[in-house]
Amino acid sequence: MKFLNGDGVRLQPLQFFLLNADDSWLPARLQEFFCNRRSRIGESLRLLLIALFGATGTLARYGLQGLVQIKMASTFPYGTLLINLTGCFFLGLIGQLTLNRMLVPPEWRMAIAVGFFGGYTTFSSFGWETAKMLEAGEWLRASTYVLASVILGLLLSAAGIRLSSRF
């Protein structure tokens, strides 16, 4: 099977699928943010940036979360709460700034949003996506997303916990 772009240039399978992924489910501004098809750098470099930023976000989460838990000396997950809330705030701030006010190439926006904040917290993505739906007046869609994420997330967490006890 040959993987060709619109100009007839042969692509690697991963490149082809990344460039031709169906992003129609995303609101228009998120499509622009995440799925800019006019890449100035290769897909391999884009993936490397995401991986490097993801590792950085993961290490930031690990360090800050652990430090907060030790300082608070509590069983309540203050560290996780701080990570999730700061992740929501900073993804909202940085995401909006890089989308509207700063000339940041889409590869770097992807590395920051998907890489760093994906490693730091996925809750920040949930918060930002919901806020963008609300901003667009999509109240029913946003409410459905919130309820499904929270309720199904809790149910699946409980299911995973129960399943793990069988091994």
C-alpha atoms as a PDB file:
ATOM      1  CA  MET A   1       0.000   0.000   0.000  1.00  0.00           C
ATOM      2  CA  LYS A   2       1.335   3.443  -0.932  1.00  0.00           C
ATOM      3  CA  PHE A   3       0.881   6.404   1.364  1.00  0.00           C
ATOM      4  CA  LEU A   4       0.849   9.634  -0.641  1.00  0.00           C
ATOM      5  CA  ASN A   5       0.096  13.192   0.406  1.00  0.00           C
ATOM      6  CA  GLY A   6      -1.996  15.595  -1.707  1.00  0.00           C
ATOM      7  CA  ASP A   7       1.041  16.420  -3.872  1.00  0.00           C
ATOM      8  CA  GLY A   8       1.783  12.761  -4.634  1.00  0.00           C
ATOM      9  CA  VAL A   9       4.805  12.645  -2.292  1.00  0.00           C
ATOM     10  CA  ARG A  10       5.292   9.270  -0.621  1.00  0.00           C
ATOM     11  CA  LEU A  11       4.922   9.321   3.167  1.00  0.00           C
ATOM     12  CA  GLN A  12       5.759   6.874   5.910  1.00  0.00           C
ATOM     13  CA  PRO A  13       2.616   5.167   7.270  1.00  0.00           C
ATOM     14  CA  LEU A  14       2.752   7.099  10.584  1.00  0.00           C
ATOM     15  CA  GLN A  15       3.143  10.408   8.747  1.00  0.00           C
ATOM     16  CA  PHE A  16       0.226   9.561   6.474  1.00  0.00           C
ATOM     17  CA  PHE A  17      -2.099   8.694   9.345  1.00  0.00           C
ATOM     18  CA  LEU A  18      -1.076  11.747  11.401  1.00  0.00           C
ATOM     19  CA  LEU A  19      -1.664  14.046   8.441  1.00  0.00           C
ATOM     20  CA  ASN A  20      -4.967  12.396   7.456  1.00  0.00           C
ATOM     21  CA  ALA A  21      -6.458  11.794  10.898  1.00  0.00           C
ATOM     22  CA  ASP A  22     -10.115  12.703  11.309  1.00  0.00           C
ATOM     23  CA  ASP A  23     -10.149  15.753  13.526  1.00  0.00           C
ATOM     24  CA  SER A  24     -13.726  16.773  12.725  1.00  0.00           C
ATOM     25  CA  TRP A  25     -14.850  15.965  16.262  1.00  0.00           C
ATOM     26  CA  LEU A  26     -12.683  18.787  17.642  1.00  0.00           C
ATOM     27  CA  PRO A  27     -14.083  22.332  17.867  1.00  0.00           C
ATOM     28  CA  ALA A  28     -12.647  24.552  15.114  1.00  0.00           C
ATOM     29  CA  ARG A  29     -10.189  26.422  17.379  1.00  0.00           C
ATOM     30  CA  LEU A  30      -8.819  23.148  18.755  1.00  0.00           C
ATOM     31  CA  GLN A  31      -8.420  21.797  15.215  1.00  0.00           C
ATOM     32  CA  GLU A  32      -6.350  24.870  14.409  1.00  0.00           C
ATOM     33  CA  PHE A  33      -4.357  24.495  17.635  1.00  0.00           C
ATOM     34  CA  PHE A  34      -3.540  20.795  17.369  1.00  0.00           C
ATOM     35  CA  CYS A  35      -3.932  19.821  13.737  1.00  0.00           C
ATOM     36  CA  ASN A  36      -2.184  22.413  11.587  1.00  0.00           C
ATOM     37  CA  ARG A  37      -1.334  20.401   8.478  1.00  0.00           C
ATOM     38  CA  ARG A  38       1.354  22.739   7.137  1.00  0.00           C
ATOM     39  CA  SER A  39       4.250  21.346   9.137  1.00  0.00           C
ATOM     40  CA  ARG A  40       7.550  23.203   8.990  1.00  0.00           C
ATOM     41  CA  ILE A  41       9.442  20.327  10.512  1.00  0.00           C
ATOM     42  CA  GLY A  42       9.265  16.597   9.996  1.00  0.00           C
ATOM     43  CA  GLU A  43       6.917  14.320  11.865  1.00  0.00           C
ATOM     44  CA  SER A  44       9.883  12.586  13.494  1.00  0.00           C
ATOM     45  CA  LEU A  45      11.043  15.857  15.034  1.00  0.00           C
ATOM     46  CA  ARG A  46       7.474  16.663  16.109  1.00  0.00           C
ATOM     47  CA  LEU A  47       7.249  13.317  17.889  1.00  0.00           C
ATOM     48  CA  LEU A  48      10.676  13.877  19.463  1.00  0.00           C
ATOM     49  CA  LEU A  49       9.575  17.287  20.775  1.00  0.00           C
ATOM     50  CA  ILE A  50       6.404  15.787  22.232  1.00  0.00           C
ATOM     51  CA  ALA A  51       8.412  13.011  23.895  1.00  0.00           C
ATOM     52  CA  LEU A  52      10.979  15.430  25.353  1.00  0.00           C
ATOM     53  CA  PHE A  53       8.342  17.840  26.624  1.00  0.00           C
ATOM     54  CA  GLY A  54       6.335  14.878  27.944  1.00  0.00           C
ATOM     55  CA  ALA A  55       9.318  13.619  29.908  1.00  0.00           C
ATOM     56  CA  THR A  56       9.863  17.104  31.316  1.00  0.00           C
ATOM     57  CA  GLY A  57       6.203  17.382  32.351  1.00  0.00           C
ATOM     58  CA  THR A  58       6.302  13.951  33.957  1.00  0.00           C
ATOM     59  CA  LEU A  59       9.409  14.809  35.965  1.00  0.00           C
ATOM     60  CA  ALA A  60       7.892  18.150  37.010  1.00  0.00           C
ATOM     61  CA  ARG A  61       4.783  16.355  38.218  1.00  0.00           C
ATOM     62  CA  TYR A  62       6.775  13.714  40.084  1.00  0.00           C
ATOM     63  CA  GLY A  63       8.951  16.276  41.852  1.00  0.00           C
ATOM     64  CA  LEU A  64       6.284  18.825  42.750  1.00  0.00           C
ATOM     65  CA  GLN A  65       3.664  16.276  43.728  1.00  0.00           C
ATOM     66  CA  GLY A  66       6.100  14.445  45.993  1.00  0.00           C
ATOM     67  CA  LEU A  67       7.376  17.664  47.570  1.00  0.00           C
ATOM     68  CA  VAL A  68       3.855  18.870  48.364  1.00  0.00           C
ATOM     69  CA  GLN A  69       2.845  15.504  49.844  1.00  0.00           C
ATOM     70  CA  ILE A  70       5.905  15.438  52.083  1.00  0.00           C
ATOM     71  CA  LYS A  71       5.412  19.061  53.216  1.00  0.00           C
ATOM     72  CA  MET A  72       1.692  18.567  53.922  1.00  0.00           C
ATOM     73  CA  ALA A  73       2.253  15.242  55.734  1.00  0.00           C
ATOM     74  CA  SER A  74      -1.274  14.140  54.910  1.00  0.00           C
ATOM     75  CA  THR A  75      -3.002  11.240  53.217  1.00  0.00           C
ATOM     76  CA  PHE A  76      -5.240  13.682  51.297  1.00  0.00           C
ATOM     77  CA  PRO A  77      -3.819  13.982  47.741  1.00  0.00           C
ATOM     78  CA  TYR A  78      -2.816  17.653  48.010  1.00  0.00           C
ATOM     79  CA  GLY A  79       0.047  17.077  45.572  1.00  0.00           C
ATOM     80  CA  THR A  80      -2.237  15.648  42.896  1.00  0.00           C
ATOM     81  CA  LEU A  81      -4.798  18.381  43.468  1.00  0.00           C
ATOM     82  CA  LEU A  82      -2.114  21.051  43.078  1.00  0.00           C
ATOM     83  CA  ILE A  83      -0.815  19.409  39.891  1.00  0.00           C
ATOM     84  CA  ASN A  84      -4.299  19.157  38.372  1.00  0.00           C
ATOM     85  CA  LEU A  85      -5.287  22.717  39.242  1.00  0.00           C
ATOM     86  CA  THR A  86      -1.999  24.318  38.173  1.00  0.00           C
ATOM     87  CA  GLY A  87      -2.061  22.217  35.009  1.00  0.00           C
ATOM     88  CA  CYS A  88      -5.546  23.524  34.173  1.00  0.00           C
ATOM     89  CA  PHE A  89      -4.511  27.108  34.830  1.00  0.00           C
ATOM     90  CA  PHE A  90      -1.242  27.011  32.905  1.00  0.00           C
ATOM     91  CA  LEU A  91      -2.591  25.040  29.926  1.00  0.00           C
ATOM     92  CA  GLY A  92      -5.428  27.551  29.694  1.00  0.00           C
ATOM     93  CA  LEU A  93      -3.016  30.477  29.943  1.00  0.00           C
ATOM     94  CA  ILE A  94      -0.269  29.150  27.690  1.00  0.00           C
ATOM     95  CA  GLY A  95      -2.654  27.482  25.261  1.00  0.00           C
ATOM     96  CA  GLN A  96      -4.632  30.660  24.750  1.00  0.00           C
ATOM     97  CA  LEU A  97      -1.530  32.863  24.527  1.00  0.00           C
ATOM     98  CA  THR A  98       0.151  30.665  21.951  1.00  0.00           C
ATOM     99  CA  LEU A  99      -3.067  30.347  19.969  1.00  0.00           C
ATOM    100  CA  ASN A 100      -4.087  34.014  19.910  1.00  0.00           C
ATOM    101  CA  ARG A 101      -1.205  36.296  20.839  1.00  0.00           C
ATOM    102  CA  MET A 102       2.140  34.676  20.171  1.00  0.00           C
ATOM    103  CA  LEU A 103       3.607  33.436  16.934  1.00  0.00           C
ATOM    104  CA  VAL A 104       4.423  29.909  18.036  1.00  0.00           C
ATOM    105  CA  PRO A 105       4.795  27.206  15.394  1.00  0.00           C
ATOM    106  CA  PRO A 106       2.176  24.445  15.662  1.00  0.00           C
ATOM    107  CA  GLU A 107       4.905  21.893  16.396  1.00  0.00           C
ATOM    108  CA  TRP A 108       5.870  23.791  19.548  1.00  0.00           C
ATOM    109  CA  ARG A 109       2.231  24.283  20.585  1.00  0.00           C
ATOM    110  CA  MET A 110       1.773  20.529  20.197  1.00  0.00           C
ATOM    111  CA  ALA A 111       4.944  19.839  22.205  1.00  0.00           C
ATOM    112  CA  ILE A 112       3.793  22.136  25.021  1.00  0.00           C
ATOM    113  CA  ALA A 113       0.119  21.145  25.131  1.00  0.00           C
ATOM    114  CA  VAL A 114       0.298  17.435  24.355  1.00  0.00           C
ATOM    115  CA  GLY A 115       3.852  16.760  25.520  1.00  0.00           C
ATOM    116  CA  PHE A 116       4.466  18.830  28.641  1.00  0.00           C
ATOM    117  CA  PHE A 117       0.911  19.082  29.926  1.00  0.00           C
ATOM    118  CA  GLY A 118       0.170  15.508  28.867  1.00  0.00           C
ATOM    119  CA  GLY A 119       3.026  14.412  31.109  1.00  0.00           C
ATOM    120  CA  TYR A 120       2.235  16.937  33.831  1.00  0.00           C
ATOM    121  CA  THR A 121      -1.498  16.223  33.962  1.00  0.00           C
ATOM    122  CA  THR A 122      -4.218  15.111  31.589  1.00  0.00           C
ATOM    123  CA  PHE A 123      -6.730  16.834  33.816  1.00  0.00           C
ATOM    124  CA  SER A 124      -5.507  20.142  32.404  1.00  0.00           C
ATOM    125  CA  SER A 125      -6.499  19.030  28.894  1.00  0.00           C
ATOM    126  CA  PHE A 126      -9.931  18.068  30.191  1.00  0.00           C
ATOM    127  CA  GLY A 127     -10.337  21.479  31.833  1.00  0.00           C
ATOM    128  CA  TRP A 128      -9.178  23.409  28.781  1.00  0.00           C
ATOM    129  CA  GLU A 129     -11.270  21.436  26.294  1.00  0.00           C
ATOM    130  CA  THR A 130     -14.352  21.898  28.489  1.00  0.00           C
ATOM    131  CA  ALA A 131     -13.674  25.630  28.869  1.00  0.00           C
ATOM    132  CA  LYS A 132     -13.352  25.999  25.087  1.00  0.00           C
ATOM    133  CA  MET A 133     -16.676  24.183  24.565  1.00  0.00           C
ATOM    134  CA  LEU A 134     -18.341  26.490  27.094  1.00  0.00           C
ATOM    135  CA  GLU A 135     -16.725  29.516  25.448  1.00  0.00           C
ATOM    136  CA  ALA A 136     -18.228  28.368  22.145  1.00  0.00           C
ATOM    137  CA  GLY A 137     -21.668  28.101  23.771  1.00  0.00           C
ATOM    138  CA  GLU A 138     -21.707  24.296  23.600  1.00  0.00           C
ATOM    139  CA  TRP A 139     -23.235  23.831  27.055  1.00  0.00           C
ATOM    140  CA  LEU A 140     -24.836  20.429  26.458  1.00  0.00           C
ATOM    141  CA  ARG A 141     -21.692  19.029  24.869  1.00  0.00           C
ATOM    142  CA  ALA A 142     -19.506  20.400  27.681  1.00  0.00           C
ATOM    143  CA  SER A 143     -21.854  19.067  30.373  1.00  0.00           C
ATOM    144  CA  THR A 144     -21.926  15.656  28.745  1.00  0.00           C
ATOM    145  CA  TYR A 145     -18.134  15.648  28.560  1.00  0.00           C
ATOM    146  CA  VAL A 146     -17.778  16.629  32.232  1.00  0.00           C
ATOM    147  CA  LEU A 147     -20.305  14.092  33.475  1.00  0.00           C
ATOM    148  CA  ALA A 148     -18.933  11.296  31.289  1.00  0.00           C
ATOM    149  CA  SER A 149     -15.326  12.045  32.233  1.00  0.00           C
ATOM    150  CA  VAL A 150     -15.949  12.249  35.970  1.00  0.00           C
ATOM    151  CA  ILE A 151     -18.494   9.464  36.369  1.00  0.00           C
ATOM    152  CA  LEU A 152     -16.929   7.044  33.886  1.00  0.00           C
ATOM    153  CA  GLY A 153     -13.455   7.929  35.162  1.00  0.00           C
ATOM    154  CA  LEU A 154     -14.472   7.049  38.713  1.00  0.00           C
ATOM    155  CA  LEU A 155     -16.258   3.883  37.616  1.00  0.00           C
ATOM    156  CA  LEU A 156     -13.296   2.740  35.521  1.00  0.00           C
ATOM    157  CA  SER A 157     -10.882   3.538  38.344  1.00  0.00           C
ATOM    158  CA  ALA A 158     -12.989   1.420  40.687  1.00  0.00           C
ATOM    159  CA  ALA A 159     -13.182  -1.337  38.069  1.00  0.00           C
ATOM    160  CA  GLY A 160      -9.405  -1.302  37.652  1.00  0.00           C
ATOM    161  CA  ILE A 161      -8.926  -1.465  41.415  1.00  0.00           C
ATOM    162  CA  ARG A 162     -11.308  -4.409  41.699  1.00  0.00           C
ATOM    163  CA  LEU A 163      -9.766  -6.182  38.716  1.00  0.00           C
ATOM    164  CA  SER A 164      -6.270  -5.782  40.138  1.00  0.00           C
ATOM    165  CA  SER A 165      -7.324  -7.607  43.311  1.00  0.00           C
ATOM    166  CA  ARG A 166      -7.933 -10.735  41.192  1.00  0.00           C
ATOM    167  CA  PHE A 167      -4.292 -11.029  40.203  1.00  0.00           C
END
